[in-house]
PDB file of all heavy atoms in Angstrom:
ATOM      1  N   LYS A   1     154.813 120.551 133.766  1.00  0.00           N
ATOM      2  CA  LYS A   1     155.893 120.406 134.743  1.00  0.00           C
ATOM      3  C   LYS A   1     156.680 119.109 134.533  1.00  0.00           C
ATOM      4  O   LYS A   1     157.707 118.900 135.185  1.00  0.00           O
ATOM      5  CB  LYS A   1     155.322 120.438 136.163  1.00  0.00           C
ATOM      6  CG  LYS A   1     154.643 121.743 136.539  1.00  0.00           C
ATOM      7  CD  LYS A   1     154.117 121.693 137.962  1.00  0.00           C
ATOM      8  CE  LYS A   1     153.425 122.994 138.335  1.00  0.00           C
ATOM      9  NZ  LYS A   1     152.892 122.939 139.735  1.00  0.00           N
ATOM     10  N   TRP A   2     156.152 118.273 133.662  1.00  0.00           N
ATOM     11  CA  TRP A   2     156.781 116.969 133.436  1.00  0.00           C
ATOM     12  C   TRP A   2     156.796 116.716 131.928  1.00  0.00           C
ATOM     13  O   TRP A   2     155.864 116.118 131.401  1.00  0.00           O
ATOM     14  CB  TRP A   2     156.000 115.873 134.170  1.00  0.00           C
ATOM     15  CG  TRP A   2     156.806 114.631 134.405  1.00  0.00           C
ATOM     16  CD1 TRP A   2     157.246 113.754 133.463  1.00  0.00           C
ATOM     17  CD2 TRP A   2     157.271 114.129 135.653  1.00  0.00           C
ATOM     18  NE1 TRP A   2     157.952 112.744 134.043  1.00  0.00           N
ATOM     19  CE2 TRP A   2     157.989 112.938 135.383  1.00  0.00           C
ATOM     20  CE3 TRP A   2     157.146 114.563 136.971  1.00  0.00           C
ATOM     21  CZ2 TRP A   2     158.569 112.178 136.393  1.00  0.00           C
ATOM     22  CZ3 TRP A   2     157.731 113.814 137.961  1.00  0.00           C
ATOM     23  CH2 TRP A   2     158.434 112.636 137.680  1.00  0.00           C
ATOM     24  N   PRO A   3     157.804 117.180 131.232  1.00  0.00           N
ATOM     25  CA  PRO A   3     157.796 117.096 129.765  1.00  0.00           C
ATOM     26  C   PRO A   3     157.753 115.657 129.271  1.00  0.00           C
ATOM     27  O   PRO A   3     158.239 114.737 129.928  1.00  0.00           O
ATOM     28  CB  PRO A   3     159.104 117.786 129.369  1.00  0.00           C
ATOM     29  CG  PRO A   3     159.968 117.686 130.583  1.00  0.00           C
ATOM     30  CD  PRO A   3     159.042 117.759 131.750  1.00  0.00           C
ATOM     31  N   ALA A   4     157.152 115.496 128.112  1.00  0.00           N
ATOM     32  CA  ALA A   4     157.079 114.165 127.502  1.00  0.00           C
ATOM     33  C   ALA A   4     158.477 113.704 127.120  1.00  0.00           C
ATOM     34  O   ALA A   4     159.301 114.501 126.652  1.00  0.00           O
ATOM     35  CB  ALA A   4     156.190 114.214 126.268  1.00  0.00           C
ATOM     36  N   PRO A   5     158.788 112.423 127.335  1.00  0.00           N
ATOM     37  CA  PRO A   5     160.118 111.925 126.949  1.00  0.00           C
ATOM     38  C   PRO A   5     160.307 112.004 125.440  1.00  0.00           C
ATOM     39  O   PRO A   5     159.384 111.736 124.669  1.00  0.00           O
ATOM     40  CB  PRO A   5     160.084 110.464 127.445  1.00  0.00           C
ATOM     41  CG  PRO A   5     158.634 110.118 127.565  1.00  0.00           C
ATOM     42  CD  PRO A   5     157.938 111.381 127.929  1.00  0.00           C
ATOM     43  N   LYS A   6     161.479 112.408 125.056  1.00  0.00           N
ATOM     44  CA  LYS A   6     161.777 112.513 123.624  1.00  0.00           C
ATOM     45  C   LYS A   6     162.068 111.123 123.062  1.00  0.00           C
ATOM     46  O   LYS A   6     162.899 110.392 123.602  1.00  0.00           O
ATOM     47  CB  LYS A   6     162.979 113.434 123.401  1.00  0.00           C
ATOM     48  CG  LYS A   6     162.729 114.876 123.820  1.00  0.00           C
ATOM     49  CD  LYS A   6     163.972 115.732 123.594  1.00  0.00           C
ATOM     50  CE  LYS A   6     163.719 117.171 124.032  1.00  0.00           C
ATOM     51  NZ  LYS A   6     164.934 118.015 123.844  1.00  0.00           N
ATOM     52  N   ARG A   7     161.374 110.788 122.011  1.00  0.00           N
ATOM     53  CA  ARG A   7     161.561 109.475 121.388  1.00  0.00           C
ATOM     54  C   ARG A   7     162.271 109.665 120.054  1.00  0.00           C
ATOM     55  O   ARG A   7     161.788 110.351 119.155  1.00  0.00           O
ATOM     56  CB  ARG A   7     160.224 108.777 121.182  1.00  0.00           C
ATOM     57  CG  ARG A   7     160.354 107.376 120.608  1.00  0.00           C
ATOM     58  CD  ARG A   7     158.998 106.690 120.516  1.00  0.00           C
ATOM     59  NE  ARG A   7     159.094 105.378 119.916  1.00  0.00           N
ATOM     60  CZ  ARG A   7     159.384 104.266 120.558  1.00  0.00           C
ATOM     61  NH1 ARG A   7     159.609 104.320 121.865  1.00  0.00           N
ATOM     62  NH2 ARG A   7     159.449 103.101 119.943  1.00  0.00           N
ATOM     63  N   TYR A   8     163.436 109.076 119.948  1.00  0.00           N
ATOM     64  CA  TYR A   8     164.223 109.191 118.714  1.00  0.00           C
ATOM     65  C   TYR A   8     163.584 108.358 117.601  1.00  0.00           C
ATOM     66  O   TYR A   8     163.172 107.218 117.818  1.00  0.00           O
ATOM     67  CB  TYR A   8     165.650 108.711 118.984  1.00  0.00           C
ATOM     68  CG  TYR A   8     166.480 108.563 117.736  1.00  0.00           C
ATOM     69  CD1 TYR A   8     166.831 109.679 116.979  1.00  0.00           C
ATOM     70  CD2 TYR A   8     166.903 107.312 117.302  1.00  0.00           C
ATOM     71  CE1 TYR A   8     167.587 109.544 115.834  1.00  0.00           C
ATOM     72  CE2 TYR A   8     167.669 107.167 116.162  1.00  0.00           C
ATOM     73  CZ  TYR A   8     167.999 108.291 115.421  1.00  0.00           C
ATOM     74  OH  TYR A   8     168.741 108.159 114.280  1.00  0.00           O
ATOM     75  N   ARG A   9     163.521 108.939 116.427  1.00  0.00           N
ATOM     76  CA  ARG A   9     162.999 108.244 115.253  1.00  0.00           C
ATOM     77  C   ARG A   9     164.159 107.963 114.306  1.00  0.00           C
ATOM     78  O   ARG A   9     164.676 108.885 113.658  1.00  0.00           O
ATOM     79  CB  ARG A   9     161.930 109.078 114.556  1.00  0.00           C
ATOM     80  CG  ARG A   9     160.709 109.346 115.441  1.00  0.00           C
ATOM     81  CD  ARG A   9     159.622 110.086 114.683  1.00  0.00           C
ATOM     82  NE  ARG A   9     158.487 110.366 115.539  1.00  0.00           N
ATOM     83  CZ  ARG A   9     157.514 109.492 115.818  1.00  0.00           C
ATOM     84  NH1 ARG A   9     157.559 108.275 115.283  1.00  0.00           N
ATOM     85  NH2 ARG A   9     156.517 109.833 116.609  1.00  0.00           N
ATOM     86  N   PRO A  10     164.603 106.708 114.229  1.00  0.00           N
ATOM     87  CA  PRO A  10     165.776 106.387 113.401  1.00  0.00           C
ATOM     88  C   PRO A  10     165.455 106.473 111.911  1.00  0.00           C
ATOM     89  O   PRO A  10     164.277 106.428 111.509  1.00  0.00           O
ATOM     90  CB  PRO A  10     166.088 104.941 113.808  1.00  0.00           C
ATOM     91  CG  PRO A  10     164.766 104.383 114.234  1.00  0.00           C
ATOM     92  CD  PRO A  10     164.043 105.521 114.892  1.00  0.00           C
ATOM     93  N   PRO A  11     166.473 106.617 111.062  1.00  0.00           N
ATOM     94  CA  PRO A  11     166.247 106.576 109.615  1.00  0.00           C
ATOM     95  C   PRO A  11     165.567 105.256 109.251  1.00  0.00           C
ATOM     96  O   PRO A  11     166.015 104.177 109.670  1.00  0.00           O
ATOM     97  CB  PRO A  11     167.668 106.651 109.033  1.00  0.00           C
ATOM     98  CG  PRO A  11     168.504 107.213 110.122  1.00  0.00           C
ATOM     99  CD  PRO A  11     167.887 106.789 111.401  1.00  0.00           C
ATOM    100  N   THR A  12     164.491 105.350 108.502  1.00  0.00           N
ATOM    101  CA  THR A  12     163.674 104.176 108.214  1.00  0.00           C
ATOM    102  C   THR A  12     163.396 104.076 106.726  1.00  0.00           C
ATOM    103  O   THR A  12     163.182 105.085 106.050  1.00  0.00           O
ATOM    104  CB  THR A  12     162.341 104.242 108.989  1.00  0.00           C
ATOM    105  OG1 THR A  12     162.621 104.355 110.384  1.00  0.00           O
ATOM    106  CG2 THR A  12     161.504 102.995 108.757  1.00  0.00           C
ATOM    107  N   GLU A  13     163.395 102.848 106.229  1.00  0.00           N
ATOM    108  CA  GLU A  13     163.157 102.604 104.808  1.00  0.00           C
ATOM    109  C   GLU A  13     162.208 101.423 104.676  1.00  0.00           C
ATOM    110  O   GLU A  13     162.286 100.458 105.438  1.00  0.00           O
ATOM    111  CB  GLU A  13     164.488 102.305 104.111  1.00  0.00           C
ATOM    112  CG  GLU A  13     164.379 101.990 102.639  1.00  0.00           C
ATOM    113  CD  GLU A  13     165.727 101.626 102.024  1.00  0.00           C
ATOM    114  OE1 GLU A  13     166.747 101.767 102.728  1.00  0.00           O
ATOM    115  OE2 GLU A  13     165.741 101.192 100.863  1.00  0.00           O
ATOM    116  N   LEU A  14     161.311 101.509 103.724  1.00  0.00           N
ATOM    117  CA  LEU A  14     160.392 100.403 103.433  1.00  0.00           C
ATOM    118  C   LEU A  14     160.771  99.800 102.095  1.00  0.00           C
ATOM    119  O   LEU A  14     160.887 100.514 101.094  1.00  0.00           O
ATOM    120  CB  LEU A  14     158.950 100.911 103.390  1.00  0.00           C
ATOM    121  CG  LEU A  14     157.882  99.877 102.992  1.00  0.00           C
ATOM    122  CD1 LEU A  14     157.795  98.765 104.031  1.00  0.00           C
ATOM    123  CD2 LEU A  14     156.528 100.556 102.796  1.00  0.00           C
ATOM    124  N   ILE A  15     160.998  98.496 102.081  1.00  0.00           N
ATOM    125  CA  ILE A  15     161.311  97.825 100.821  1.00  0.00           C
ATOM    126  C   ILE A  15     160.333  96.676 100.600  1.00  0.00           C
ATOM    127  O   ILE A  15     159.751  96.141 101.541  1.00  0.00           O
ATOM    128  CB  ILE A  15     162.766  97.299 100.785  1.00  0.00           C
ATOM    129  CG1 ILE A  15     162.969  96.202 101.849  1.00  0.00           C
ATOM    130  CG2 ILE A  15     163.768  98.435 100.978  1.00  0.00           C
ATOM    131  CD1 ILE A  15     164.343  95.535 101.757  1.00  0.00           C
ATOM    132  N   THR A  16     160.175  96.312  99.347  1.00  0.00           N
ATOM    133  CA  THR A  16     159.286  95.214  98.973  1.00  0.00           C
ATOM    134  C   THR A  16     160.118  94.089  98.379  1.00  0.00           C
ATOM    135  O   THR A  16     160.933  94.314  97.479  1.00  0.00           O
ATOM    136  CB  THR A  16     158.244  95.684  97.936  1.00  0.00           C
ATOM    137  OG1 THR A  16     157.498  96.775  98.487  1.00  0.00           O
ATOM    138  CG2 THR A  16     157.286  94.556  97.593  1.00  0.00           C
ATOM    139  N   LEU A  17     159.948  92.905  98.933  1.00  0.00           N
ATOM    140  CA  LEU A  17     160.710  91.741  98.479  1.00  0.00           C
ATOM    141  C   LEU A  17     159.776  90.575  98.203  1.00  0.00           C
ATOM    142  O   LEU A  17     158.703  90.472  98.819  1.00  0.00           O
ATOM    143  CB  LEU A  17     161.729  91.316  99.551  1.00  0.00           C
ATOM    144  CG  LEU A  17     162.854  92.287  99.890  1.00  0.00           C
ATOM    145  CD1 LEU A  17     163.681  91.729 101.050  1.00  0.00           C
ATOM    146  CD2 LEU A  17     163.754  92.528  98.679  1.00  0.00           C
ATOM    147  N   PRO A  18     160.169  89.676  97.303  1.00  0.00           N
ATOM    148  CA  PRO A  18     159.372  88.457  97.121  1.00  0.00           C
ATOM    149  C   PRO A  18     159.553  87.538  98.330  1.00  0.00           C
ATOM    150  O   PRO A  18     160.667  87.362  98.821  1.00  0.00           O
ATOM    151  CB  PRO A  18     159.962  87.830  95.856  1.00  0.00           C
ATOM    152  CG  PRO A  18     161.354  88.371  95.777  1.00  0.00           C
ATOM    153  CD  PRO A  18     161.294  89.749  96.369  1.00  0.00           C
ATOM    154  N   GLU A  19     158.481  86.996  98.836  1.00  0.00           N
ATOM    155  CA  GLU A  19     158.566  86.122 100.002  1.00  0.00           C
ATOM    156  C   GLU A  19     159.254  84.820  99.619  1.00  0.00           C
ATOM    157  O   GLU A  19     158.900  84.176  98.633  1.00  0.00           O
ATOM    158  CB  GLU A  19     157.176  85.842 100.566  1.00  0.00           C
ATOM    159  CG  GLU A  19     157.199  85.097 101.884  1.00  0.00           C
ATOM    160  CD  GLU A  19     155.832  85.021 102.527  1.00  0.00           C
ATOM    161  OE1 GLU A  19     154.849  85.512 101.919  1.00  0.00           O
ATOM    162  OE2 GLU A  19     155.738  84.470 103.647  1.00  0.00           O
ATOM    163  N   GLY A  20     160.262  84.434 100.401  1.00  0.00           N
ATOM    164  CA  GLY A  20     161.023  83.229 100.099  1.00  0.00           C
ATOM    165  C   GLY A  20     161.181  82.340 101.312  1.00  0.00           C
ATOM    166  O   GLY A  20     160.700  82.654 102.407  1.00  0.00           O
ATOM    167  N   PRO A  21     161.892  81.219 101.165  1.00  0.00           N
ATOM    168  CA  PRO A  21     162.044  80.277 102.271  1.00  0.00           C
ATOM    169  C   PRO A  21     163.011  80.751 103.356  1.00  0.00           C
ATOM    170  O   PRO A  21     162.943  80.290 104.492  1.00  0.00           O
ATOM    171  CB  PRO A  21     162.574  79.018 101.581  1.00  0.00           C
ATOM    172  CG  PRO A  21     163.283  79.524 100.359  1.00  0.00           C
ATOM    173  CD  PRO A  21     162.518  80.728  99.919  1.00  0.00           C
ATOM    174  N   GLU A  22     163.937  81.664 103.010  1.00  0.00           N
ATOM    175  CA  GLU A  22     164.923  82.119 103.983  1.00  0.00           C
ATOM    176  C   GLU A  22     164.307  83.144 104.922  1.00  0.00           C
ATOM    177  O   GLU A  22     163.320  83.812 104.586  1.00  0.00           O
ATOM    178  CB  GLU A  22     166.129  82.734 103.276  1.00  0.00           C
ATOM    179  CG  GLU A  22     166.965  81.729 102.483  1.00  0.00           C
ATOM    180  CD  GLU A  22     168.152  82.396 101.832  1.00  0.00           C
ATOM    181  OE1 GLU A  22     167.953  83.451 101.188  1.00  0.00           O
ATOM    182  OE2 GLU A  22     169.273  81.888 101.979  1.00  0.00           O
ATOM    183  N   ARG A  23     164.910  83.284 106.131  1.00  0.00           N
ATOM    184  CA  ARG A  23     164.414  84.285 107.065  1.00  0.00           C
ATOM    185  C   ARG A  23     164.603  85.677 106.477  1.00  0.00           C
ATOM    186  O   ARG A  23     165.506  85.914 105.657  1.00  0.00           O
ATOM    187  CB  ARG A  23     165.080  84.148 108.425  1.00  0.00           C
ATOM    188  CG  ARG A  23     166.581  84.237 108.457  1.00  0.00           C
ATOM    189  CD  ARG A  23     167.090  83.931 109.857  1.00  0.00           C
ATOM    190  NE  ARG A  23     166.469  84.826 110.834  1.00  0.00           N
ATOM    191  CZ  ARG A  23     166.283  84.514 112.124  1.00  0.00           C
ATOM    192  NH1 ARG A  23     166.663  83.336 112.572  1.00  0.00           N
ATOM    193  NH2 ARG A  23     165.730  85.385 112.963  1.00  0.00           N
ATOM    194  N   VAL A  24     163.786  86.603 106.903  1.00  0.00           N
ATOM    195  CA  VAL A  24     163.734  87.913 106.280  1.00  0.00           C
ATOM    196  C   VAL A  24     165.071  88.648 106.378  1.00  0.00           C
ATOM    197  O   VAL A  24     165.465  89.377 105.451  1.00  0.00           O
ATOM    198  CB  VAL A  24     162.585  88.744 106.902  1.00  0.00           C
ATOM    199  CG1 VAL A  24     162.836  89.018 108.378  1.00  0.00           C
ATOM    200  CG2 VAL A  24     162.384  90.037 106.136  1.00  0.00           C
ATOM    201  N   GLU A  25     165.821  88.465 107.466  1.00  0.00           N
ATOM    202  CA  GLU A  25     167.109  89.156 107.608  1.00  0.00           C
ATOM    203  C   GLU A  25     168.093  88.726 106.517  1.00  0.00           C
ATOM    204  O   GLU A  25     168.856  89.564 106.004  1.00  0.00           O
ATOM    205  CB  GLU A  25     167.714  88.880 108.988  1.00  0.00           C
ATOM    206  CG  GLU A  25     166.907  89.416 110.154  1.00  0.00           C
ATOM    207  CD  GLU A  25     165.891  88.418 110.664  1.00  0.00           C
ATOM    208  OE1 GLU A  25     165.668  87.393 109.982  1.00  0.00           O
ATOM    209  OE2 GLU A  25     165.314  88.660 111.746  1.00  0.00           O
ATOM    210  N   ILE A  26     168.091  87.454 106.188  1.00  0.00           N
ATOM    211  CA  ILE A  26     168.999  86.954 105.151  1.00  0.00           C
ATOM    212  C   ILE A  26     168.608  87.517 103.794  1.00  0.00           C
ATOM    213  O   ILE A  26     169.479  87.881 102.983  1.00  0.00           O
ATOM    214  CB  ILE A  26     168.978  85.408 105.125  1.00  0.00           C
ATOM    215  CG1 ILE A  26     169.386  84.844 106.492  1.00  0.00           C
ATOM    216  CG2 ILE A  26     169.905  84.886 104.045  1.00  0.00           C
ATOM    217  CD1 ILE A  26     170.760  85.235 106.950  1.00  0.00           C
ATOM    218  N   GLN A  27     167.317  87.622 103.546  1.00  0.00           N
ATOM    219  CA  GLN A  27     166.867  88.187 102.262  1.00  0.00           C
ATOM    220  C   GLN A  27     167.262  89.656 102.149  1.00  0.00           C
ATOM    221  O   GLN A  27     167.681  90.112 101.080  1.00  0.00           O
ATOM    222  CB  GLN A  27     165.355  88.030 102.138  1.00  0.00           C
ATOM    223  CG  GLN A  27     164.911  86.580 102.047  1.00  0.00           C
ATOM    224  CD  GLN A  27     163.418  86.456 101.821  1.00  0.00           C
ATOM    225  OE1 GLN A  27     162.894  86.926 100.822  1.00  0.00           O
ATOM    226  NE2 GLN A  27     162.733  85.839 102.760  1.00  0.00           N
ATOM    227  N   VAL A  28     167.114  90.392 103.243  1.00  0.00           N
ATOM    228  CA  VAL A  28     167.509  91.809 103.219  1.00  0.00           C
ATOM    229  C   VAL A  28     169.021  91.934 103.042  1.00  0.00           C
ATOM    230  O   VAL A  28     169.497  92.825 102.321  1.00  0.00           O
ATOM    231  CB  VAL A  28     167.043  92.528 104.501  1.00  0.00           C
ATOM    232  CG1 VAL A  28     167.597  93.950 104.556  1.00  0.00           C
ATOM    233  CG2 VAL A  28     165.525  92.559 104.571  1.00  0.00           C
ATOM    234  N   ALA A  29     169.788  91.064 103.671  1.00  0.00           N
ATOM    235  CA  ALA A  29     171.247  91.097 103.516  1.00  0.00           C
ATOM    236  C   ALA A  29     171.633  90.907 102.053  1.00  0.00           C
ATOM    237  O   ALA A  29     172.490  91.636 101.519  1.00  0.00           O
ATOM    238  CB  ALA A  29     171.893  90.025 104.391  1.00  0.00           C
ATOM    239  N   SER A  30     171.000  89.964 101.367  1.00  0.00           N
ATOM    240  CA  SER A  30     171.285  89.746  99.940  1.00  0.00           C
ATOM    241  C   SER A  30     170.891  90.968  99.117  1.00  0.00           C
ATOM    242  O   SER A  30     171.604  91.373  98.182  1.00  0.00           O
ATOM    243  CB  SER A  30     170.522  88.511  99.449  1.00  0.00           C
ATOM    244  OG  SER A  30     170.931  87.356 100.132  1.00  0.00           O
ATOM    245  N   HIS A  31     169.758  91.557  99.477  1.00  0.00           N
ATOM    246  CA  HIS A  31     169.286  92.763  98.782  1.00  0.00           C
ATOM    247  C   HIS A  31     170.300  93.904  98.932  1.00  0.00           C
ATOM    248  O   HIS A  31     170.623  94.596  97.949  1.00  0.00           O
ATOM    249  CB  HIS A  31     167.926  93.163  99.364  1.00  0.00           C
ATOM    250  CG  HIS A  31     167.403  94.474  98.877  1.00  0.00           C
ATOM    251  ND1 HIS A  31     166.835  94.642  97.636  1.00  0.00           N
ATOM    252  CD2 HIS A  31     167.371  95.711  99.489  1.00  0.00           C
ATOM    253  CE1 HIS A  31     166.469  95.913  97.494  1.00  0.00           C
ATOM    254  NE2 HIS A  31     166.779  96.578  98.606  1.00  0.00           N
ATOM    255  N   LEU A  32     170.809  94.110 100.158  1.00  0.00           N
ATOM    256  CA  LEU A  32     171.767  95.191 100.397  1.00  0.00           C
ATOM    257  C   LEU A  32     173.101  94.925  99.722  1.00  0.00           C
ATOM    258  O   LEU A  32     173.763  95.866  99.233  1.00  0.00           O
ATOM    259  CB  LEU A  32     171.950  95.393 101.901  1.00  0.00           C
ATOM    260  CG  LEU A  32     170.728  95.907 102.664  1.00  0.00           C
ATOM    261  CD1 LEU A  32     171.023  95.957 104.164  1.00  0.00           C
ATOM    262  CD2 LEU A  32     170.315  97.287 102.150  1.00  0.00           C
ATOM    263  N   GLU A  33     173.534  93.684  99.707  1.00  0.00           N
ATOM    264  CA  GLU A  33     174.782  93.354  99.011  1.00  0.00           C
ATOM    265  C   GLU A  33     174.669  93.690  97.521  1.00  0.00           C
ATOM    266  O   GLU A  33     175.618  94.210  96.909  1.00  0.00           O
ATOM    267  CB  GLU A  33     175.110  91.869  99.190  1.00  0.00           C
ATOM    268  CG  GLU A  33     175.640  91.528 100.568  1.00  0.00           C
ATOM    269  CD  GLU A  33     176.070  90.082 100.677  1.00  0.00           C
ATOM    270  OE1 GLU A  33     175.543  89.228  99.917  1.00  0.00           O
ATOM    271  OE2 GLU A  33     176.936  89.785 101.520  1.00  0.00           O
ATOM    272  N   HIS A  34     173.514  93.379  96.949  1.00  0.00           N
ATOM    273  CA  HIS A  34     173.310  93.662  95.517  1.00  0.00           C
ATOM    274  C   HIS A  34     173.343  95.163  95.247  1.00  0.00           C
ATOM    275  O   HIS A  34     173.961  95.625  94.268  1.00  0.00           O
ATOM    276  CB  HIS A  34     171.972  93.067  95.072  1.00  0.00           C
ATOM    277  CG  HIS A  34     171.624  93.386  93.650  1.00  0.00           C
ATOM    278  ND1 HIS A  34     172.268  92.811  92.572  1.00  0.00           N
ATOM    279  CD2 HIS A  34     170.690  94.258  93.128  1.00  0.00           C
ATOM    280  CE1 HIS A  34     171.756  93.301  91.449  1.00  0.00           C
ATOM    281  NE2 HIS A  34     170.805  94.167  91.756  1.00  0.00           N
ATOM    282  N   LEU A  35     172.694  95.940  96.125  1.00  0.00           N
ATOM    283  CA  LEU A  35     172.636  97.390  95.912  1.00  0.00           C
ATOM    284  C   LEU A  35     173.982  98.073  96.133  1.00  0.00           C
ATOM    285  O   LEU A  35     174.316  99.041  95.438  1.00  0.00           O
ATOM    286  CB  LEU A  35     171.594  98.012  96.849  1.00  0.00           C
ATOM    287  CG  LEU A  35     170.118  97.695  96.571  1.00  0.00           C
ATOM    288  CD1 LEU A  35     169.241  98.380  97.603  1.00  0.00           C
ATOM    289  CD2 LEU A  35     169.724  98.143  95.154  1.00  0.00           C
ATOM    290  N   SER A  36     174.736  97.591  97.125  1.00  0.00           N
ATOM    291  CA  SER A  36     175.975  98.283  97.505  1.00  0.00           C
ATOM    292  C   SER A  36     177.215  97.675  96.888  1.00  0.00           C
ATOM    293  O   SER A  36     178.307  98.241  97.017  1.00  0.00           O
ATOM    294  CB  SER A  36     176.129  98.258  99.021  1.00  0.00           C
ATOM    295  OG  SER A  36     176.365  96.928  99.472  1.00  0.00           O
ATOM    296  N   ASP A  37     177.037  96.516  96.263  1.00  0.00           N
ATOM    297  CA  ASP A  37     178.185  95.782  95.722  1.00  0.00           C
ATOM    298  C   ASP A  37     179.212  95.482  96.824  1.00  0.00           C
ATOM    299  O   ASP A  37     180.417  95.452  96.583  1.00  0.00           O
ATOM    300  CB  ASP A  37     178.845  96.576  94.589  1.00  0.00           C
ATOM    301  CG  ASP A  37     179.745  95.696  93.714  1.00  0.00           C
ATOM    302  OD1 ASP A  37     179.478  94.469  93.664  1.00  0.00           O
ATOM    303  OD2 ASP A  37     180.697  96.224  93.116  1.00  0.00           O
ATOM    304  N   GLY A  38     178.714  95.316  98.059  1.00  0.00           N
ATOM    305  CA  GLY A  38     179.601  95.053  99.190  1.00  0.00           C
ATOM    306  C   GLY A  38     179.254  93.755  99.886  1.00  0.00           C
ATOM    307  O   GLY A  38     178.720  92.818  99.265  1.00  0.00           O
ATOM    308  N   SER A  39     179.563  93.688 101.178  1.00  0.00           N
ATOM    309  CA  SER A  39     179.301  92.487 101.977  1.00  0.00           C
ATOM    310  C   SER A  39     178.347  92.849 103.111  1.00  0.00           C
ATOM    311  O   SER A  39     178.490  93.905 103.736  1.00  0.00           O
ATOM    312  CB  SER A  39     180.599  91.932 102.567  1.00  0.00           C
ATOM    313  OG  SER A  39     181.511  91.605 101.536  1.00  0.00           O
ATOM    314  N   CYS A  40     177.400  91.962 103.358  1.00  0.00           N
ATOM    315  CA  CYS A  40     176.441  92.191 104.436  1.00  0.00           C
ATOM    316  C   CYS A  40     176.314  90.895 105.232  1.00  0.00           C
ATOM    317  O   CYS A  40     176.138  89.814 104.659  1.00  0.00           O
ATOM    318  CB  CYS A  40     175.088  92.613 103.880  1.00  0.00           C
ATOM    319  SG  CYS A  40     173.941  93.206 105.150  1.00  0.00           S
TER     320      CYS A  40
END
C-alpha cells in the first residue's frame, strides 16, 4: 500500500588516476579536458 520511493541512478563512470597534490576535482577536470579536447 506504500510503494518504495524510486531512486534515480545517474550515469556513473569509474576512472583511475595517479594520486597528486591537487584536489581530486581539479585532476578530473584536467583528465576530461585531455579526453574531450575542450574546457572543463
